[in-house]
PDB file of N, CA and C in Angstrom:
ATOM      1  N   MET A   1     219.638  94.697  27.400  1.00  0.00           N
ATOM      2  CA  MET A   1     219.675  93.977  28.652  1.00  0.00           C
ATOM      3  C   MET A   1     218.319  94.129  29.346  1.00  0.00           C
ATOM      4  N   ASN A   2     218.010  93.165  30.165  1.00  0.00           N
ATOM      5  CA  ASN A   2     216.714  93.215  30.823  1.00  0.00           C
ATOM      6  C   ASN A   2     216.850  93.644  32.280  1.00  0.00           C
ATOM      7  N   LYS A   3     215.739  93.735  32.940  1.00  0.00           N
ATOM      8  CA  LYS A   3     215.705  94.211  34.337  1.00  0.00           C
ATOM      9  C   LYS A   3     216.410  93.252  35.276  1.00  0.00           C
ATOM     10  N   MET A   4     216.418  92.013  34.951  1.00  0.00           N
ATOM     11  CA  MET A   4     217.013  91.008  35.824  1.00  0.00           C
ATOM     12  C   MET A   4     218.516  91.162  35.924  1.00  0.00           C
ATOM     13  N   ASP A   5     219.135  91.719  34.915  1.00  0.00           N
ATOM     14  CA  ASP A   5     220.587  91.861  34.918  1.00  0.00           C
ATOM     15  C   ASP A   5     221.033  93.040  35.772  1.00  0.00           C
ATOM     16  N   GLY A   6     220.111  93.887  36.184  1.00  0.00           N
ATOM     17  CA  GLY A   6     220.478  95.002  37.035  1.00  0.00           C
ATOM     18  C   GLY A   6     220.857  96.225  36.250  1.00  0.00           C
ATOM     19  N   LEU A   7     220.766  96.180  34.915  1.00  0.00           N
ATOM     20  CA  LEU A   7     221.106  97.346  34.132  1.00  0.00           C
ATOM     21  C   LEU A   7     219.829  98.109  33.818  1.00  0.00           C
ATOM     22  N   ASN A   8     219.906  99.400  33.890  1.00  0.00           N
ATOM     23  CA  ASN A   8     218.742 100.227  33.631  1.00  0.00           C
ATOM     24  C   ASN A   8     218.814 100.776  32.221  1.00  0.00           C
ATOM     25  N   THR A   9     217.725 100.713  31.531  1.00  0.00           N
ATOM     26  CA  THR A   9     217.652 101.314  30.205  1.00  0.00           C
ATOM     27  C   THR A   9     216.742 102.519  30.306  1.00  0.00           C
ATOM     28  N   GLY A  10     216.647 103.261  29.296  1.00  0.00           N
ATOM     29  CA  GLY A  10     215.806 104.438  29.277  1.00  0.00           C
ATOM     30  C   GLY A  10     214.342 104.077  29.448  1.00  0.00           C
ATOM     31  N   GLU A  11     213.929 102.939  28.890  1.00  0.00           N
ATOM     32  CA  GLU A  11     212.545 102.517  28.998  1.00  0.00           C
ATOM     33  C   GLU A  11     212.183 102.196  30.455  1.00  0.00           C
ATOM     34  N   GLU A  12     213.103 101.573  31.129  1.00  0.00           N
ATOM     35  CA  GLU A  12     212.843 101.215  32.517  1.00  0.00           C
ATOM     36  C   GLU A  12     212.699 102.461  33.375  1.00  0.00           C
ATOM     37  N   GLU A  13     213.514 103.471  33.111  1.00  0.00           N
ATOM     38  CA  GLU A  13     213.411 104.703  33.860  1.00  0.00           C
ATOM     39  C   GLU A  13     212.067 105.362  33.598  1.00  0.00           C
ATOM     40  N   ASP A  14     211.624 105.328  32.325  1.00  0.00           N
ATOM     41  CA  ASP A  14     210.337 105.910  31.994  1.00  0.00           C
ATOM     42  C   ASP A  14     209.207 105.163  32.685  1.00  0.00           C
ATOM     43  N   SER A  15     209.279 103.834  32.730  1.00  0.00           N
ATOM     44  CA  SER A  15     208.214 103.072  33.380  1.00  0.00           C
ATOM     45  C   SER A  15     208.202 103.326  34.878  1.00  0.00           C
ATOM     46  N   ALA A  16     209.372 103.507  35.493  1.00  0.00           N
ATOM     47  CA  ALA A  16     209.429 103.831  36.917  1.00  0.00           C
ATOM     48  C   ALA A  16     208.800 105.186  37.160  1.00  0.00           C
ATOM     49  N   PHE A  17     209.091 106.114  36.284  1.00  0.00           N
ATOM     50  CA  PHE A  17     208.509 107.443  36.418  1.00  0.00           C
ATOM     51  C   PHE A  17     207.000 107.365  36.229  1.00  0.00           C
ATOM     52  N   THR A  18     206.590 106.536  35.294  1.00  0.00           N
ATOM     53  CA  THR A  18     205.170 106.383  35.020  1.00  0.00           C
ATOM     54  C   THR A  18     204.469 105.737  36.205  1.00  0.00           C
ATOM     55  N   SER A  19     205.112 104.755  36.836  1.00  0.00           N
ATOM     56  CA  SER A  19     204.460 104.101  37.960  1.00  0.00           C
ATOM     57  C   SER A  19     204.312 105.060  39.133  1.00  0.00           C
ATOM     58  N   ILE A  20     205.285 105.928  39.332  1.00  0.00           N
ATOM     59  CA  ILE A  20     205.157 106.927  40.386  1.00  0.00           C
ATOM     60  C   ILE A  20     203.986 107.839  40.072  1.00  0.00           C
ATOM     61  N   SER A  21     203.908 108.223  38.832  1.00  0.00           N
ATOM     62  CA  SER A  21     202.819 109.082  38.405  1.00  0.00           C
ATOM     63  C   SER A  21     201.480 108.381  38.592  1.00  0.00           C
ATOM     64  N   LEU A  22     201.420 107.079  38.318  1.00  0.00           N
ATOM     65  CA  LEU A  22     200.180 106.341  38.500  1.00  0.00           C
ATOM     66  C   LEU A  22     199.801 106.259  39.972  1.00  0.00           C
ATOM     67  N   THR A  23     200.788 106.098  40.822  1.00  0.00           N
ATOM     68  CA  THR A  23     200.510 106.049  42.251  1.00  0.00           C
ATOM     69  C   THR A  23     199.886 107.356  42.697  1.00  0.00           C
ATOM     70  N   ASP A  24     200.452 108.452  42.251  1.00  0.00           N
ATOM     71  CA  ASP A  24     199.889 109.756  42.593  1.00  0.00           C
ATOM     72  C   ASP A  24     198.477 109.887  42.048  1.00  0.00           C
ATOM     73  N   ASP A  25     198.261 109.397  40.802  1.00  0.00           N
ATOM     74  CA  ASP A  25     196.937 109.458  40.196  1.00  0.00           C
ATOM     75  C   ASP A  25     195.957 108.588  40.974  1.00  0.00           C
ATOM     76  N   THR A  26     196.418 107.456  41.494  1.00  0.00           N
ATOM     77  CA  THR A  26     195.549 106.583  42.262  1.00  0.00           C
ATOM     78  C   THR A  26     195.080 107.293  43.522  1.00  0.00           C
ATOM     79  N   ASP A  27     196.002 107.963  44.225  1.00  0.00           N
ATOM     80  CA  ASP A  27     195.623 108.721  45.413  1.00  0.00           C
ATOM     81  C   ASP A  27     194.617 109.806  45.056  1.00  0.00           C
ATOM     82  N   HIS A  28     194.889 110.473  43.936  1.00  0.00           N
ATOM     83  CA  HIS A  28     193.984 111.537  43.490  1.00  0.00           C
ATOM     84  C   HIS A  28     192.625 110.966  43.113  1.00  0.00           C
ATOM     85  N   SER A  29     192.613 109.797  42.452  1.00  0.00           N
ATOM     86  CA  SER A  29     191.335 109.209  42.045  1.00  0.00           C
ATOM     87  C   SER A  29     190.547 108.737  43.263  1.00  0.00           C
ATOM     88  N   LEU A  30     191.211 108.278  44.318  1.00  0.00           N
ATOM     89  CA  LEU A  30     190.516 107.903  45.541  1.00  0.00           C
ATOM     90  C   LEU A  30     189.874 109.122  46.189  1.00  0.00           C
ATOM     91  N   LYS A  31     190.605 110.229  46.173  1.00  0.00           N
ATOM     92  CA  LYS A  31     190.048 111.464  46.712  1.00  0.00           C
ATOM     93  C   LYS A  31     188.843 111.900  45.891  1.00  0.00           C
ATOM     94  N   SER A  32     188.950 111.768  44.585  1.00  0.00           N
ATOM     95  CA  SER A  32     187.835 112.143  43.713  1.00  0.00           C
ATOM     96  C   SER A  32     186.641 111.242  43.969  1.00  0.00           C
ATOM     97  N   LEU A  33     186.889 109.962  44.144  1.00  0.00           N
ATOM     98  CA  LEU A  33     185.805 109.021  44.412  1.00  0.00           C
ATOM     99  C   LEU A  33     185.117 109.355  45.725  1.00  0.00           C
ATOM    100  N   HIS A  34     185.911 109.673  46.740  1.00  0.00           N
ATOM    101  CA  HIS A  34     185.352 110.032  48.050  1.00  0.00           C
ATOM    102  C   HIS A  34     184.518 111.309  47.954  1.00  0.00           C
ATOM    103  N   SER A  35     185.061 112.328  47.274  1.00  0.00           N
ATOM    104  CA  SER A  35     184.300 113.569  47.153  1.00  0.00           C
ATOM    105  C   SER A  35     183.076 113.369  46.282  1.00  0.00           C
ATOM    106  N   GLY A  36     183.146 112.456  45.312  1.00  0.00           N
ATOM    107  CA  GLY A  36     181.976 112.137  44.495  1.00  0.00           C
ATOM    108  C   GLY A  36     180.897 111.492  45.333  1.00  0.00           C
ATOM    109  N   ALA A  37     181.278 110.628  46.256  1.00  0.00           N
ATOM    110  CA  ALA A  37     180.306 109.992  47.146  1.00  0.00           C
ATOM    111  C   ALA A  37     179.664 111.032  48.047  1.00  0.00           C
ATOM    112  N   GLU A  38     180.460 111.995  48.483  1.00  0.00           N
ATOM    113  CA  GLU A  38     179.901 113.064  49.306  1.00  0.00           C
ATOM    114  C   GLU A  38     178.860 113.859  48.526  1.00  0.00           C
ATOM    115  N   ARG A  39     179.135 114.069  47.228  1.00  0.00           N
ATOM    116  CA  ARG A  39     178.174 114.804  46.418  1.00  0.00           C
ATOM    117  C   ARG A  39     176.929 113.976  46.148  1.00  0.00           C
ATOM    118  N   LEU A  40     177.067 112.662  46.070  1.00  0.00           N
ATOM    119  CA  LEU A  40     175.916 111.803  45.791  1.00  0.00           C
ATOM    120  C   LEU A  40     174.977 111.706  46.987  1.00  0.00           C
ATOM    121  N   PHE A  41     175.522 111.746  48.173  1.00  0.00           N
ATOM    122  CA  PHE A  41     174.706 111.554  49.370  1.00  0.00           C
ATOM    123  C   PHE A  41     174.764 112.757  50.321  1.00  0.00           C
ATOM    124  N   PRO A  42     174.682 113.979  49.826  1.00  0.00           N
ATOM    125  CA  PRO A  42     174.823 115.103  50.758  1.00  0.00           C
ATOM    126  C   PRO A  42     173.661 115.206  51.726  1.00  0.00           C
ATOM    127  N   LYS A  43     172.457 114.930  51.250  1.00  0.00           N
ATOM    128  CA  LYS A  43     171.308 115.035  52.147  1.00  0.00           C
ATOM    129  C   LYS A  43     171.387 113.992  53.243  1.00  0.00           C
ATOM    130  N   MET A  44     171.772 112.761  52.870  1.00  0.00           N
ATOM    131  CA  MET A  44     171.884 111.694  53.862  1.00  0.00           C
ATOM    132  C   MET A  44     172.965 112.034  54.878  1.00  0.00           C
ATOM    133  N   MET A  45     174.094 112.505  54.386  1.00  0.00           N
ATOM    134  CA  MET A  45     175.194 112.823  55.293  1.00  0.00           C
ATOM    135  C   MET A  45     174.830 114.014  56.172  1.00  0.00           C
ATOM    136  N   ASN A  46     174.182 115.013  55.594  1.00  0.00           N
ATOM    137  CA  ASN A  46     173.764 116.165  56.394  1.00  0.00           C
ATOM    138  C   ASN A  46     172.750 115.752  57.450  1.00  0.00           C
ATOM    139  N   ALA A  47     171.830 114.861  57.088  1.00  0.00           N
ATOM    140  CA  ALA A  47     170.845 114.378  58.052  1.00  0.00           C
ATOM    141  C   ALA A  47     171.538 113.605  59.173  1.00  0.00           C
ATOM    142  N   ASP A  48     172.505 112.765  58.791  1.00  0.00           N
ATOM    143  CA  ASP A  48     173.259 112.021  59.802  1.00  0.00           C
ATOM    144  C   ASP A  48     174.032 112.975  60.708  1.00  0.00           C
ATOM    145  N   MET A  49     174.656 113.978  60.106  1.00  0.00           N
ATOM    146  CA  MET A  49     175.419 114.951  60.894  1.00  0.00           C
ATOM    147  C   MET A  49     174.486 115.730  61.811  1.00  0.00           C
ATOM    148  N   ASP A  50     173.315 116.113  61.289  1.00  0.00           N
ATOM    149  CA  ASP A  50     172.340 116.825  62.108  1.00  0.00           C
ATOM    150  C   ASP A  50     171.865 115.955  63.262  1.00  0.00           C
ATOM    151  N   ALA A  51     171.645 114.664  62.986  1.00  0.00           N
ATOM    152  CA  ALA A  51     171.207 113.742  64.034  1.00  0.00           C
ATOM    153  C   ALA A  51     172.287 113.610  65.108  1.00  0.00           C
ATOM    154  N   VAL A  52     173.539 113.503  64.678  1.00  0.00           N
ATOM    155  CA  VAL A  52     174.650 113.400  65.627  1.00  0.00           C
ATOM    156  C   VAL A  52     174.764 114.695  66.425  1.00  0.00           C
ATOM    157  N   ASP A  53     174.664 115.836  65.734  1.00  0.00           N
ATOM    158  CA  ASP A  53     174.732 117.124  66.427  1.00  0.00           C
ATOM    159  C   ASP A  53     173.581 117.267  67.416  1.00  0.00           C
ATOM    160  N   ALA A  54     172.376 116.888  66.997  1.00  0.00           N
ATOM    161  CA  ALA A  54     171.217 116.974  67.888  1.00  0.00           C
ATOM    162  C   ALA A  54     171.403 116.055  69.089  1.00  0.00           C
ATOM    163  N   GLU A  55     171.913 114.853  68.835  1.00  0.00           N
ATOM    164  CA  GLU A  55     172.148 113.906  69.932  1.00  0.00           C
ATOM    165  C   GLU A  55     173.202 114.456  70.889  1.00  0.00           C
ATOM    166  N   ASN A  56     174.264 115.031  70.329  1.00  0.00           N
ATOM    167  CA  ASN A  56     175.306 115.630  71.168  1.00  0.00           C
ATOM    168  C   ASN A  56     174.749 116.806  71.952  1.00  0.00           C
ATOM    169  N   GLN A  57     173.890 117.594  71.316  1.00  0.00           N
ATOM    170  CA  GLN A  57     173.281 118.743  71.996  1.00  0.00           C
ATOM    171  C   GLN A  57     172.404 118.278  73.148  1.00  0.00           C
ATOM    172  N   VAL A  58     171.601 117.244  72.903  1.00  0.00           N
ATOM    173  CA  VAL A  58     170.721 116.708  73.949  1.00  0.00           C
ATOM    174  C   VAL A  58     171.567 116.150  75.091  1.00  0.00           C
ATOM    175  N   GLU A  59     172.631 115.437  74.732  1.00  0.00           N
ATOM    176  CA  GLU A  59     173.515 114.865  75.751  1.00  0.00           C
ATOM    177  C   GLU A  59     174.192 115.972  76.560  1.00  0.00           C
ATOM    178  N   LEU A  60     174.622 117.021  75.880  1.00  0.00           N
ATOM    179  CA  LEU A  60     175.260 118.144  76.568  1.00  0.00           C
ATOM    180  C   LEU A  60     174.266 118.847  77.488  1.00  0.00           C
ATOM    181  N   GLU A  61     173.033 119.042  77.025  1.00  0.00           N
ATOM    182  CA  GLU A  61     172.018 119.669  77.866  1.00  0.00           C
ATOM    183  C   GLU A  61     171.702 118.805  79.085  1.00  0.00           C
ATOM    184  N   GLU A  62     171.649 117.497  78.881  1.00  0.00           N
ATOM    185  CA  GLU A  62     171.381 116.576  79.992  1.00  0.00           C
ATOM    186  C   GLU A  62     172.516 116.624  81.009  1.00  0.00           C
ATOM    187  N   LYS A  63     173.752 116.641  80.513  1.00  0.00           N
ATOM    188  CA  LYS A  63     174.901 116.733  81.420  1.00  0.00           C
ATOM    189  C   LYS A  63     174.876 118.044  82.190  1.00  0.00           C
ATOM    190  N   THR A  64     174.571 119.126  81.504  1.00  0.00           N
ATOM    191  CA  THR A  64     174.495 120.433  82.157  1.00  0.00           C
ATOM    192  C   THR A  64     173.406 120.443  83.216  1.00  0.00           C
ATOM    193  N   ARG A  65     172.248 119.870  82.889  1.00  0.00           N
ATOM    194  CA  ARG A  65     171.142 119.812  83.846  1.00  0.00           C
ATOM    195  C   ARG A  65     171.545 118.997  85.068  1.00  0.00           C
ATOM    196  N   LEU A  66     172.195 117.862  84.836  1.00  0.00           N
ATOM    197  CA  LEU A  66     172.607 117.014  85.956  1.00  0.00           C
ATOM    198  C   LEU A  66     173.665 117.704  86.818  1.00  0.00           C
ATOM    199  N   ILE A  67     174.593 118.398  86.188  1.00  0.00           N
ATOM    200  CA  ILE A  67     175.624 119.113  86.939  1.00  0.00           C
ATOM    201  C   ILE A  67     174.984 120.191  87.800  1.00  0.00           C
ATOM    202  N   ASN A  68     174.041 120.934  87.211  1.00  0.00           N
ATOM    203  CA  ASN A  68     173.347 121.973  87.980  1.00  0.00           C
ATOM    204  C   ASN A  68     172.557 121.373  89.137  1.00  0.00           C
ATOM    205  N   GLN A  69     171.934 120.228  88.892  1.00  0.00           N
ATOM    206  CA  GLN A  69     171.177 119.559  89.944  1.00  0.00           C
ATOM    207  C   GLN A  69     172.106 119.096  91.065  1.00  0.00           C
ATOM    208  N   VAL A  70     173.249 118.545  90.708  1.00  0.00           N
ATOM    209  CA  VAL A  70     174.225 118.103  91.714  1.00  0.00           C
ATOM    210  C   VAL A  70     174.719 119.293  92.531  1.00  0.00           C
ATOM    211  N   LEU A  71     175.017 120.402  91.847  1.00  0.00           N
ATOM    212  CA  LEU A  71     175.477 121.590  92.565  1.00  0.00           C
ATOM    213  C   LEU A  71     174.401 122.118  93.515  1.00  0.00           C
ATOM    214  N   GLU A  72     173.159 122.123  93.054  1.00  0.00           N
ATOM    215  CA  GLU A  72     172.061 122.568  93.914  1.00  0.00           C
ATOM    216  C   GLU A  72     171.918 121.660  95.132  1.00  0.00           C
ATOM    217  N   LEU A  73     172.028 120.351  94.912  1.00  0.00           N
ATOM    218  CA  LEU A  73     171.941 119.412  96.030  1.00  0.00           C
ATOM    219  C   LEU A  73     173.114 119.578  96.993  1.00  0.00           C
ATOM    220  N   GLN A  74     174.290 119.872  96.461  1.00  0.00           N
ATOM    221  CA  GLN A  74     175.444 120.116  97.337  1.00  0.00           C
ATOM    222  C   GLN A  74     175.210 121.342  98.211  1.00  0.00           C
ATOM    223  N   HIS A  75     174.665 122.402  97.608  1.00  0.00           N
ATOM    224  CA  HIS A  75     174.378 123.612  98.396  1.00  0.00           C
ATOM    225  C   HIS A  75     173.317 123.322  99.453  1.00  0.00           C
ATOM    226  N   THR A  76     172.303 122.559  99.078  1.00  0.00           N
ATOM    227  CA  THR A  76     171.261 122.191 100.043  1.00  0.00           C
ATOM    228  C   THR A  76     171.860 121.380 101.184  1.00  0.00           C
ATOM    229  N   LEU A  77     172.731 120.435 100.845  1.00  0.00           N
ATOM    230  CA  LEU A  77     173.390 119.622 101.873  1.00  0.00           C
ATOM    231  C   LEU A  77     174.248 120.485 102.788  1.00  0.00           C
ATOM    232  N   GLU A  78     174.968 121.436 102.218  1.00  0.00           N
ATOM    233  CA  GLU A  78     175.773 122.343 103.039  1.00  0.00           C
ATOM    234  C   GLU A  78     174.881 123.146 103.988  1.00  0.00           C
ATOM    235  N   ASP A  79     173.744 123.643 103.471  1.00  0.00           N
ATOM    236  CA  ASP A  79     172.817 124.405 104.313  1.00  0.00           C
ATOM    237  C   ASP A  79     172.255 123.539 105.436  1.00  0.00           C
ATOM    238  N   LEU A  80     171.862 122.311 105.100  1.00  0.00           N
ATOM    239  CA  LEU A  80     171.321 121.400 106.119  1.00  0.00           C
ATOM    240  C   LEU A  80     172.382 121.041 107.158  1.00  0.00           C
ATOM    241  N   SER A  81     173.599 120.823 106.696  1.00  0.00           N
ATOM    242  CA  SER A  81     174.687 120.499 107.620  1.00  0.00           C
ATOM    243  C   SER A  81     174.948 121.665 108.575  1.00  0.00           C
ATOM    244  N   ALA A  82     174.930 122.882 108.049  1.00  0.00           N
ATOM    245  CA  ALA A  82     175.122 124.059 108.901  1.00  0.00           C
ATOM    246  C   ALA A  82     173.975 124.173 109.901  1.00  0.00           C
ATOM    247  N   ARG A  83     172.758 123.885 109.450  1.00  0.00           N
ATOM    248  CA  ARG A  83     171.592 123.945 110.351  1.00  0.00           C
ATOM    249  C   ARG A  83     171.712 122.896 111.452  1.00  0.00           C
ATOM    250  N   VAL A  84     172.138 121.678 111.097  1.00  0.00           N
ATOM    251  CA  VAL A  84     172.313 120.614 112.091  1.00  0.00           C
ATOM    252  C   VAL A  84     173.362 121.035 113.123  1.00  0.00           C
ATOM    253  N   ASP A  85     174.453 121.611 112.658  1.00  0.00           N
ATOM    254  CA  ASP A  85     175.491 122.074 113.584  1.00  0.00           C
ATOM    255  C   ASP A  85     174.954 123.145 114.533  1.00  0.00           C
ATOM    256  N   ALA A  86     174.156 124.083 113.991  1.00  0.00           N
ATOM    257  CA  ALA A  86     173.573 125.141 114.819  1.00  0.00           C
ATOM    258  C   ALA A  86     172.614 124.549 115.852  1.00  0.00           C
ATOM    259  N   VAL A  87     171.811 123.559 115.445  1.00  0.00           N
ATOM    260  CA  VAL A  87     170.864 122.929 116.370  1.00  0.00           C
ATOM    261  C   VAL A  87     171.615 122.149 117.441  1.00  0.00           C
ATOM    262  N   LYS A  88     172.692 121.469 117.076  1.00  0.00           N
ATOM    263  CA  LYS A  88     173.498 120.747 118.072  1.00  0.00           C
ATOM    264  C   LYS A  88     174.078 121.712 119.100  1.00  0.00           C
ATOM    265  N   GLU A  89     174.582 122.826 118.601  1.00  0.00           N
ATOM    266  CA  GLU A  89     175.160 123.822 119.506  1.00  0.00           C
ATOM    267  C   GLU A  89     174.089 124.385 120.447  1.00  0.00           C
ATOM    268  N   GLU A  90     172.928 124.689 119.903  1.00  0.00           N
ATOM    269  CA  GLU A  90     171.819 125.194 120.726  1.00  0.00           C
ATOM    270  C   GLU A  90     171.386 124.144 121.739  1.00  0.00           C
ATOM    271  N   ASN A  91     171.342 122.889 121.332  1.00  0.00           N
ATOM    272  CA  ASN A  91     170.966 121.798 122.221  1.00  0.00           C
ATOM    273  C   ASN A  91     171.940 121.679 123.394  1.00  0.00           C
ATOM    274  N   LEU A  92     173.242 121.738 123.122  1.00  0.00           N
ATOM    275  CA  LEU A  92     174.240 121.677 124.192  1.00  0.00           C
ATOM    276  C   LEU A  92     174.088 122.855 125.149  1.00  0.00           C
ATOM    277  N   LYS A  93     173.813 124.036 124.593  1.00  0.00           N
ATOM    278  CA  LYS A  93     173.625 125.221 125.421  1.00  0.00           C
ATOM    279  C   LYS A  93     172.408 125.053 126.338  1.00  0.00           C
ATOM    280  N   LEU A  94     171.308 124.556 125.773  1.00  0.00           N
ATOM    281  CA  LEU A  94     170.095 124.356 126.578  1.00  0.00           C
ATOM    282  C   LEU A  94     170.298 123.270 127.637  1.00  0.00           C
ATOM    283  N   LYS A  95     171.030 122.197 127.309  1.00  0.00           N
ATOM    284  CA  LYS A  95     171.317 121.155 128.299  1.00  0.00           C
ATOM    285  C   LYS A  95     172.103 121.743 129.471  1.00  0.00           C
ATOM    286  N   SER A  96     173.075 122.570 129.156  1.00  0.00           N
ATOM    287  CA  SER A  96     173.885 123.190 130.207  1.00  0.00           C
ATOM    288  C   SER A  96     173.020 124.102 131.087  1.00  0.00           C
ATOM    289  N   GLU A  97     172.170 124.885 130.434  1.00  0.00           N
ATOM    290  CA  GLU A  97     171.277 125.757 131.206  1.00  0.00           C
ATOM    291  C   GLU A  97     170.317 124.938 132.066  1.00  0.00           C
ATOM    292  N   ASN A  98     169.812 123.831 131.535  1.00  0.00           N
ATOM    293  CA  ASN A  98     168.913 122.967 132.313  1.00  0.00           C
ATOM    294  C   ASN A  98     169.626 122.379 133.528  1.00  0.00           C
ATOM    295  N   GLN A  99     170.898 122.005 133.372  1.00  0.00           N
ATOM    296  CA  GLN A  99     171.655 121.471 134.512  1.00  0.00           C
ATOM    297  C   GLN A  99     171.819 122.547 135.586  1.00  0.00           C
ATOM    298  N   VAL A 100     172.124 123.765 135.167  1.00  0.00           N
ATOM    299  CA  VAL A 100     172.279 124.863 136.137  1.00  0.00           C
ATOM    300  C   VAL A 100     170.960 125.121 136.849  1.00  0.00           C
ATOM    301  N   LEU A 101     169.855 125.181 136.082  1.00  0.00           N
ATOM    302  CA  LEU A 101     168.539 125.413 136.685  1.00  0.00           C
ATOM    303  C   LEU A 101     168.139 124.265 137.616  1.00  0.00           C
ATOM    304  N   GLY A 102     168.416 123.034 137.194  1.00  0.00           N
ATOM    305  CA  GLY A 102     168.110 121.875 138.035  1.00  0.00           C
ATOM    306  C   GLY A 102     168.868 121.931 139.340  1.00  0.00           C
ATOM    307  N   GLN A 103     170.136 122.284 139.279  1.00  0.00           N
ATOM    308  CA  GLN A 103     170.946 122.399 140.492  1.00  0.00           C
ATOM    309  C   GLN A 103     170.430 123.539 141.377  1.00  0.00           C
ATOM    310  N   TYR A 104     170.027 124.637 140.775  1.00  0.00           N
ATOM    311  CA  TYR A 104     169.490 125.783 141.528  1.00  0.00           C
ATOM    312  C   TYR A 104     168.194 125.397 142.241  1.00  0.00           C
ATOM    313  N   ILE A 105     167.301 124.713 141.529  1.00  0.00           N
ATOM    314  CA  ILE A 105     166.034 124.274 142.127  1.00  0.00           C
ATOM    315  C   ILE A 105     166.296 123.292 143.258  1.00  0.00           C
ATOM    316  N   GLU A 106     167.216 122.405 143.060  1.00  0.00           N
ATOM    317  CA  GLU A 106     167.559 121.420 144.100  1.00  0.00           C
ATOM    318  C   GLU A 106     168.106 122.130 145.340  1.00  0.00           C
ATOM    319  N   ASN A 107     168.931 123.129 145.158  1.00  0.00           N
ATOM    320  CA  ASN A 107     169.472 123.902 146.293  1.00  0.00           C
ATOM    321  C   ASN A 107     168.357 124.665 147.020  1.00  0.00           C
ATOM    322  N   LEU A 108     167.426 125.251 146.272  1.00  0.00           N
ATOM    323  CA  LEU A 108     166.301 125.964 146.896  1.00  0.00           C
ATOM    324  C   LEU A 108     165.430 125.012 147.704  1.00  0.00           C
ATOM    325  N   MET A 109     165.182 123.849 147.150  1.00  0.00           N
ATOM    326  CA  MET A 109     164.339 122.875 147.839  1.00  0.00           C
ATOM    327  C   MET A 109     165.004 122.391 149.127  1.00  0.00           C
ATOM    328  N   SER A 110     166.289 122.189 149.074  1.00  0.00           N
ATOM    329  CA  SER A 110     166.966 121.718 150.295  1.00  0.00           C
ATOM    330  C   SER A 110     167.039 122.829 151.351  1.00  0.00           C
ATOM    331  N   ALA A 111     167.055 124.059 150.947  1.00  0.00           N
ATOM    332  CA  ALA A 111     167.120 125.170 151.913  1.00  0.00           C
ATOM    333  C   ALA A 111     165.745 125.522 152.470  1.00  0.00           C
ATOM    334  N   SER A 112     164.689 125.159 151.824  1.00  0.00           N
ATOM    335  CA  SER A 112     163.340 125.523 152.260  1.00  0.00           C
ATOM    336  C   SER A 112     162.791 124.469 153.213  1.00  0.00           C
ATOM    337  N   SER A 113     162.072 124.932 154.258  1.00  0.00           N
ATOM    338  CA  SER A 113     161.490 124.008 155.223  1.00  0.00           C
ATOM    339  C   SER A 113     160.256 123.319 154.655  1.00  0.00           C
ATOM    340  N   VAL A 114     159.657 123.890 153.645  1.00  0.00           N
ATOM    341  CA  VAL A 114     158.464 123.281 153.044  1.00  0.00           C
ATOM    342  C   VAL A 114     158.813 121.947 152.397  1.00  0.00           C
ATOM    343  N   PHE A 115     159.988 121.886 151.828  1.00  0.00           N
ATOM    344  CA  PHE A 115     160.368 120.667 151.117  1.00  0.00           C
ATOM    345  C   PHE A 115     161.227 119.729 151.972  1.00  0.00           C
ATOM    346  N   GLN A 116     161.380 120.056 153.283  1.00  0.00           N
ATOM    347  CA  GLN A 116     162.152 119.198 154.167  1.00  0.00           C
ATOM    348  C   GLN A 116     161.350 117.938 154.477  1.00  0.00           C
ATOM    349  N   THR A 117     162.008 116.830 154.591  1.00  0.00           N
ATOM    350  CA  THR A 117     161.326 115.598 154.980  1.00  0.00           C
ATOM    351  C   THR A 117     161.100 115.628 156.480  1.00  0.00           C
ATOM    352  N   THR A 118     159.949 115.184 156.873  1.00  0.00           N
ATOM    353  CA  THR A 118     159.632 115.168 158.305  1.00  0.00           C
ATOM    354  C   THR A 118     159.672 113.733 158.798  1.00  0.00           C
ATOM    355  N   ASP A 119     160.161 113.591 159.983  1.00  0.00           N
ATOM    356  CA  ASP A 119     160.206 112.273 160.594  1.00  0.00           C
ATOM    357  C   ASP A 119     159.043 112.180 161.565  1.00  0.00           C
ATOM    358  N   THR A 120     157.954 111.593 161.194  1.00  0.00           N
ATOM    359  CA  THR A 120     156.739 111.525 162.007  1.00  0.00           C
ATOM    360  C   THR A 120     156.920 110.651 163.238  1.00  0.00           C
ATOM    361  N   LYS A 121     157.745 109.661 163.220  1.00  0.00           N
ATOM    362  CA  LYS A 121     157.943 108.775 164.342  1.00  0.00           C
ATOM    363  C   LYS A 121     158.618 109.507 165.507  1.00  0.00           C
ATOM    364  N   SER A 122     159.575 110.354 165.217  1.00  0.00           N
ATOM    365  CA  SER A 122     160.281 111.041 166.273  1.00  0.00           C
ATOM    366  C   SER A 122     159.406 112.104 166.930  1.00  0.00           C
ATOM    367  N   LYS A 123     158.473 112.724 166.217  1.00  0.00           N
ATOM    368  CA  LYS A 123     157.610 113.732 166.788  1.00  0.00           C
ATOM    369  C   LYS A 123     156.535 113.107 167.681  1.00  0.00           C
ATOM    370  N   ARG A 124     156.100 111.923 167.457  1.00  0.00           N
ATOM    371  CA  ARG A 124     155.053 111.291 168.231  1.00  0.00           C
ATOM    372  C   ARG A 124     155.580 110.804 169.572  1.00  0.00           C
ATOM    373  N   LYS A 125     156.760 110.550 169.717  1.00  0.00           N
ATOM    374  CA  LYS A 125     157.299 110.000 170.971  1.00  0.00           C
ATOM    375  C   LYS A 125     157.496 111.019 171.979  1.00  0.00           C
TER     376      LYS A 125
END
């Protein structure tokens, strides 16, 4: 009987077993081919890997440098912001002191006869 009838013979079982074995051999031969290519071009692949590693190293160093620069700028900004706050506080303090001194001087001037306004018309009459 043939395969179309749905009956299995010993030969068919052997061919099925053989095809499974061939599939496994195909996977193995692909692996062998790939490893053979690696052996044929090891210098090229190593050079490519070195180039990629060097590029990654340069990129990592650049990122690290930029991160450090950003952190330094953040610290500088924090220092400048603290300085601005201190100057604002000092400015408000000095303005308040100037107002007190201005009021004190104004009171002294009004109490002193030297700074009194004189009415010349009333004295002449």
